[in-house]
Every structure is written in C-alpha cells, then in structure tokens.
Amino acid sequence: MNDETRSRLFARLDRVTRVPLLLLAVVMISLLTLPEIVDLEPELVLAFDAASFAI
C-alpha cells in the first residue's frame, strides 16, 4: 500500500466517522453532566451510569 492510497483511505475514514463521533461525544458529555446539574431519581442516575459505561 503506497502513501497516496493510505492518504485517500485515511481521508475517507475521517470523513465517514467525523459526524458519528461528534454525536457520540455530545451524548457522552450529556450523560456525564446531566446527573450533576439536575436532581434525578436514583433509577435514572443508574441508567445514566450504565449508558455512559456502555459508551
């Protein structure tokens, strides 16, 4: 695999994964900060912890 092919593949991978990773980061930040900002029921806090662990 030459450098040009590798560069094109990297550019394609970067383009394909940019938005999904950005959305995942926003969800993760929300999962981590929302329980600290808002008073949630213990079941919801547990669900948020499980979701953040899964991510």
PDB file of N, CA and C in Angstrom:
ATOM      1  N   MET A   1       0.853  -1.169   0.000  1.00  0.00           N
ATOM      2  CA  MET A   1       0.000   0.000   0.000  1.00  0.00           C
ATOM      3  C   MET A   1       0.900   1.234   0.000  1.00  0.00           C
ATOM      4  N   ASN A   2       0.739   2.062  -1.015  1.00  0.00           N
ATOM      5  CA  ASN A   2       1.590   3.241  -1.088  1.00  0.00           C
ATOM      6  C   ASN A   2       1.008   4.406  -0.290  1.00  0.00           C
ATOM      7  N   ASP A   3       1.766   5.472  -0.204  1.00  0.00           N
ATOM      8  CA  ASP A   3       1.374   6.620   0.616  1.00  0.00           C
ATOM      9  C   ASP A   3       0.114   7.303   0.101  1.00  0.00           C
ATOM     10  N   GLU A   4      -0.038   7.370  -1.200  1.00  0.00           N
ATOM     11  CA  GLU A   4      -1.215   8.032  -1.780  1.00  0.00           C
ATOM     12  C   GLU A   4      -2.495   7.265  -1.444  1.00  0.00           C
ATOM     13  N   THR A   5      -2.450   5.964  -1.563  1.00  0.00           N
ATOM     14  CA  THR A   5      -3.608   5.128  -1.234  1.00  0.00           C
ATOM     15  C   THR A   5      -3.934   5.236   0.249  1.00  0.00           C
ATOM     16  N   ARG A   6      -2.914   5.196   1.063  1.00  0.00           N
ATOM     17  CA  ARG A   6      -3.105   5.314   2.507  1.00  0.00           C
ATOM     18  C   ARG A   6      -3.712   6.670   2.869  1.00  0.00           C
ATOM     19  N   SER A   7      -3.260   7.717   2.229  1.00  0.00           N
ATOM     20  CA  SER A   7      -3.804   9.056   2.483  1.00  0.00           C
ATOM     21  C   SER A   7      -5.265   9.149   2.064  1.00  0.00           C
ATOM     22  N   ARG A   8      -5.607   8.576   0.920  1.00  0.00           N
ATOM     23  CA  ARG A   8      -7.008   8.598   0.478  1.00  0.00           C
ATOM     24  C   ARG A   8      -7.900   7.794   1.411  1.00  0.00           C
ATOM     25  N   LEU A   9      -7.417   6.636   1.865  1.00  0.00           N
ATOM     26  CA  LEU A   9      -8.201   5.832   2.802  1.00  0.00           C
ATOM     27  C   LEU A   9      -8.399   6.542   4.138  1.00  0.00           C
ATOM     28  N   PHE A  10      -7.348   7.196   4.610  1.00  0.00           N
ATOM     29  CA  PHE A  10      -7.467   7.943   5.862  1.00  0.00           C
ATOM     30  C   PHE A  10      -8.458   9.095   5.717  1.00  0.00           C
ATOM     31  N   ALA A  11      -8.404   9.804   4.615  1.00  0.00           N
ATOM     32  CA  ALA A  11      -9.325  10.918   4.381  1.00  0.00           C
ATOM     33  C   ALA A  11     -10.765  10.412   4.325  1.00  0.00           C
ATOM     34  N   ARG A  12     -10.973   9.275   3.686  1.00  0.00           N
ATOM     35  CA  ARG A  12     -12.322   8.704   3.613  1.00  0.00           C
ATOM     36  C   ARG A  12     -12.811   8.264   4.997  1.00  0.00           C
ATOM     37  N   LEU A  13     -11.947   7.595   5.749  1.00  0.00           N
ATOM     38  CA  LEU A  13     -12.301   7.173   7.102  1.00  0.00           C
ATOM     39  C   LEU A  13     -12.615   8.379   7.980  1.00  0.00           C
ATOM     40  N   ASP A  14     -11.823   9.411   7.873  1.00  0.00           N
ATOM     41  CA  ASP A  14     -12.050  10.631   8.645  1.00  0.00           C
ATOM     42  C   ASP A  14     -13.399  11.259   8.283  1.00  0.00           C
ATOM     43  N   ARG A  15     -13.709  11.312   7.019  1.00  0.00           N
ATOM     44  CA  ARG A  15     -14.971  11.901   6.547  1.00  0.00           C
ATOM     45  C   ARG A  15     -16.167  11.083   7.016  1.00  0.00           C
ATOM     46  N   VAL A  16     -16.059   9.767   7.000  1.00  0.00           N
ATOM     47  CA  VAL A  16     -17.169   8.887   7.375  1.00  0.00           C
ATOM     48  C   VAL A  16     -17.412   8.892   8.879  1.00  0.00           C
ATOM     49  N   THR A  17     -16.375   9.010   9.671  1.00  0.00           N
ATOM     50  CA  THR A  17     -16.531   8.888  11.119  1.00  0.00           C
ATOM     51  C   THR A  17     -16.649  10.225  11.846  1.00  0.00           C
ATOM     52  N   ARG A  18     -16.477  11.321  11.169  1.00  0.00           N
ATOM     53  CA  ARG A  18     -16.469  12.623  11.836  1.00  0.00           C
ATOM     54  C   ARG A  18     -17.779  12.924  12.560  1.00  0.00           C
ATOM     55  N   VAL A  19     -18.906  12.835  11.872  1.00  0.00           N
ATOM     56  CA  VAL A  19     -20.206  13.176  12.473  1.00  0.00           C
ATOM     57  C   VAL A  19     -20.621  12.152  13.534  1.00  0.00           C
ATOM     58  N   PRO A  20     -20.532  10.850  13.284  1.00  0.00           N
ATOM     59  CA  PRO A  20     -20.909   9.907  14.345  1.00  0.00           C
ATOM     60  C   PRO A  20     -20.098  10.076  15.626  1.00  0.00           C
ATOM     61  N   LEU A  21     -18.819  10.317  15.503  1.00  0.00           N
ATOM     62  CA  LEU A  21     -18.001  10.508  16.703  1.00  0.00           C
ATOM     63  C   LEU A  21     -18.342  11.816  17.405  1.00  0.00           C
ATOM     64  N   LEU A  22     -18.678  12.846  16.651  1.00  0.00           N
ATOM     65  CA  LEU A  22     -19.095  14.105  17.257  1.00  0.00           C
ATOM     66  C   LEU A  22     -20.393  13.926  18.031  1.00  0.00           C
ATOM     67  N   LEU A  23     -21.344  13.216  17.439  1.00  0.00           N
ATOM     68  CA  LEU A  23     -22.613  12.952  18.131  1.00  0.00           C
ATOM     69  C   LEU A  23     -22.393  12.103  19.381  1.00  0.00           C
ATOM     70  N   LEU A  24     -21.540  11.128  19.289  1.00  0.00           N
ATOM     71  CA  LEU A  24     -21.231  10.284  20.447  1.00  0.00           C
ATOM     72  C   LEU A  24     -20.588  11.111  21.563  1.00  0.00           C
ATOM     73  N   ALA A  25     -19.748  12.050  21.210  1.00  0.00           N
ATOM     74  CA  ALA A  25     -19.125  12.916  22.217  1.00  0.00           C
ATOM     75  C   ALA A  25     -20.169  13.789  22.902  1.00  0.00           C
ATOM     76  N   VAL A  26     -21.110  14.328  22.138  1.00  0.00           N
ATOM     77  CA  VAL A  26     -22.171  15.154  22.727  1.00  0.00           C
ATOM     78  C   VAL A  26     -23.031  14.326  23.667  1.00  0.00           C
ATOM     79  N   VAL A  27     -23.373  13.117  23.262  1.00  0.00           N
ATOM     80  CA  VAL A  27     -24.171  12.231  24.122  1.00  0.00           C
ATOM     81  C   VAL A  27     -23.399  11.899  25.394  1.00  0.00           C
ATOM     82  N   MET A  28     -22.122  11.610  25.262  1.00  0.00           N
ATOM     83  CA  MET A  28     -21.313  11.257  26.422  1.00  0.00           C
ATOM     84  C   MET A  28     -21.210  12.424  27.398  1.00  0.00           C
ATOM     85  N   ILE A  29     -20.989  13.620  26.888  1.00  0.00           N
ATOM     86  CA  ILE A  29     -20.916  14.794  27.760  1.00  0.00           C
ATOM     87  C   ILE A  29     -22.247  15.001  28.468  1.00  0.00           C
ATOM     88  N   SER A  30     -23.345  14.814  27.759  1.00  0.00           N
ATOM     89  CA  SER A  30     -24.672  14.949  28.372  1.00  0.00           C
ATOM     90  C   SER A  30     -24.882  13.907  29.461  1.00  0.00           C
ATOM     91  N   LEU A  31     -24.482  12.683  29.190  1.00  0.00           N
ATOM     92  CA  LEU A  31     -24.654  11.617  30.176  1.00  0.00           C
ATOM     93  C   LEU A  31     -23.833  11.862  31.437  1.00  0.00           C
ATOM     94  N   LEU A  32     -22.700  12.473  31.283  1.00  0.00           N
ATOM     95  CA  LEU A  32     -21.839  12.710  32.436  1.00  0.00           C
ATOM     96  C   LEU A  32     -22.232  13.956  33.226  1.00  0.00           C
ATOM     97  N   THR A  33     -22.749  14.965  32.551  1.00  0.00           N
ATOM     98  CA  THR A  33     -23.030  16.222  33.249  1.00  0.00           C
ATOM     99  C   THR A  33     -24.463  16.357  33.730  1.00  0.00           C
ATOM    100  N   LEU A  34     -25.410  15.793  33.034  1.00  0.00           N
ATOM    101  CA  LEU A  34     -26.816  15.973  33.410  1.00  0.00           C
ATOM    102  C   LEU A  34     -27.120  15.507  34.830  1.00  0.00           C
ATOM    103  N   PRO A  35     -26.652  14.351  35.276  1.00  0.00           N
ATOM    104  CA  PRO A  35     -26.929  13.951  36.669  1.00  0.00           C
ATOM    105  C   PRO A  35     -26.320  14.901  37.705  1.00  0.00           C
ATOM    106  N   GLU A  36     -25.277  15.624  37.342  1.00  0.00           N
ATOM    107  CA  GLU A  36     -24.659  16.567  38.266  1.00  0.00           C
ATOM    108  C   GLU A  36     -25.419  17.894  38.313  1.00  0.00           C
ATOM    109  N   ILE A  37     -26.075  18.244  37.221  1.00  0.00           N
ATOM    110  CA  ILE A  37     -26.776  19.526  37.119  1.00  0.00           C
ATOM    111  C   ILE A  37     -28.212  19.422  37.612  1.00  0.00           C
ATOM    112  N   VAL A  38     -28.895  18.343  37.259  1.00  0.00           N
ATOM    113  CA  VAL A  38     -30.309  18.158  37.562  1.00  0.00           C
ATOM    114  C   VAL A  38     -30.448  17.051  38.605  1.00  0.00           C
ATOM    115  N   ASP A  39     -31.370  17.241  39.519  1.00  0.00           N
ATOM    116  CA  ASP A  39     -31.638  16.220  40.537  1.00  0.00           C
ATOM    117  C   ASP A  39     -32.513  15.127  39.924  1.00  0.00           C
ATOM    118  N   LEU A  40     -31.906  13.972  39.677  1.00  0.00           N
ATOM    119  CA  LEU A  40     -32.612  12.859  39.048  1.00  0.00           C
ATOM    120  C   LEU A  40     -32.926  11.782  40.074  1.00  0.00           C
ATOM    121  N   GLU A  41     -33.911  10.971  39.740  1.00  0.00           N
ATOM    122  CA  GLU A  41     -34.239   9.831  40.592  1.00  0.00           C
ATOM    123  C   GLU A  41     -33.091   8.820  40.527  1.00  0.00           C
ATOM    124  N   PRO A  42     -32.926   8.048  41.599  1.00  0.00           N
ATOM    125  CA  PRO A  42     -31.811   7.085  41.624  1.00  0.00           C
ATOM    126  C   PRO A  42     -31.823   6.096  40.453  1.00  0.00           C
ATOM    127  N   GLU A  43     -33.013   5.708  39.995  1.00  0.00           N
ATOM    128  CA  GLU A  43     -33.082   4.776  38.857  1.00  0.00           C
ATOM    129  C   GLU A  43     -32.531   5.426  37.592  1.00  0.00           C
ATOM    130  N   LEU A  44     -32.830   6.715  37.405  1.00  0.00           N
ATOM    131  CA  LEU A  44     -32.309   7.411  36.233  1.00  0.00           C
ATOM    132  C   LEU A  44     -30.799   7.608  36.325  1.00  0.00           C
ATOM    133  N   VAL A  45     -30.310   7.885  37.504  1.00  0.00           N
ATOM    134  CA  VAL A  45     -28.862   8.026  37.680  1.00  0.00           C
ATOM    135  C   VAL A  45     -28.174   6.713  37.341  1.00  0.00           C
ATOM    136  N   LEU A  46     -28.762   5.615  37.779  1.00  0.00           N
ATOM    137  CA  LEU A  46     -28.213   4.297  37.466  1.00  0.00           C
ATOM    138  C   LEU A  46     -28.234   4.035  35.957  1.00  0.00           C
ATOM    139  N   ALA A  47     -29.326   4.422  35.301  1.00  0.00           N
ATOM    140  CA  ALA A  47     -29.425   4.262  33.845  1.00  0.00           C
ATOM    141  C   ALA A  47     -28.384   5.120  33.129  1.00  0.00           C
ATOM    142  N   PHE A  48     -28.191   6.349  33.595  1.00  0.00           N
ATOM    143  CA  PHE A  48     -27.179   7.220  33.000  1.00  0.00           C
ATOM    144  C   PHE A  48     -25.787   6.633  33.203  1.00  0.00           C
ATOM    145  N   ASP A  49     -25.521   6.101  34.377  1.00  0.00           N
ATOM    146  CA  ASP A  49     -24.216   5.481  34.631  1.00  0.00           C
ATOM    147  C   ASP A  49     -23.994   4.269  33.719  1.00  0.00           C
ATOM    148  N   ALA A  50     -25.021   3.465  33.559  1.00  0.00           N
ATOM    149  CA  ALA A  50     -24.904   2.294  32.685  1.00  0.00           C
ATOM    150  C   ALA A  50     -24.674   2.724  31.237  1.00  0.00           C
ATOM    151  N   ALA A  51     -25.383   3.735  30.795  1.00  0.00           N
ATOM    152  CA  ALA A  51     -25.225   4.214  29.417  1.00  0.00           C
ATOM    153  C   ALA A  51     -23.828   4.802  29.199  1.00  0.00           C
ATOM    154  N   SER A  52     -23.351   5.580  30.160  1.00  0.00           N
ATOM    155  CA  SER A  52     -22.013   6.161  29.994  1.00  0.00           C
ATOM    156  C   SER A  52     -20.941   5.075  30.038  1.00  0.00           C
ATOM    157  N   PHE A  53     -21.158   4.038  30.841  1.00  0.00           N
ATOM    158  CA  PHE A  53     -20.214   2.927  30.867  1.00  0.00           C
ATOM    159  C   PHE A  53     -20.230   2.182  29.527  1.00  0.00           C
ATOM    160  N   ALA A  54     -21.410   2.012  28.942  1.00  0.00           N
ATOM    161  CA  ALA A  54     -21.533   1.300  27.664  1.00  0.00           C
ATOM    162  C   ALA A  54     -20.817   2.053  26.541  1.00  0.00           C
ATOM    163  N   ILE A  55     -20.856   3.367  26.612  1.00  0.00           N
ATOM    164  CA  ILE A  55     -20.193   4.164  25.578  1.00  0.00           C
ATOM    165  C   ILE A  55     -18.700   4.105  25.803  1.00  0.00           C
TER     166      ILE A  55
END
